[in-house]
Amino acid sequence: MRQRILIILGHPAEASLCGAIADAYLKGAQTAGHDVRLLSLGQLNFDPILRNGYNTIQTLEPDLLAAQESIAWAAQFGLNGLAR
């Protein structure tokens, strides 16, 4: 059965062991015929600071909107490098 898989790379450097594992997962899943996307958190461009606290809703930047869309798209997740 074809799956929609989102691999989330949490390590800031793609050229790392975690990046290599994510790449191997991606290639293996694609070879098996699945639809796969890679979300590299270290490459996202956004402002992490809530400028007005919780008083107003801060507009999401394009990278965060794309990440949100990929998360909604996925039926399965592969998490890599998110915890120590």
Foldseek 3Di string as FASTA:
>chain_A
DAFEEEEEQADLDCPDPLVVVSVVVQVVSVVVPYHYDYHYPNPADDDPDPPVPPPDDDDGDPSVVVVVVSVVVGPYYHYTDPDD
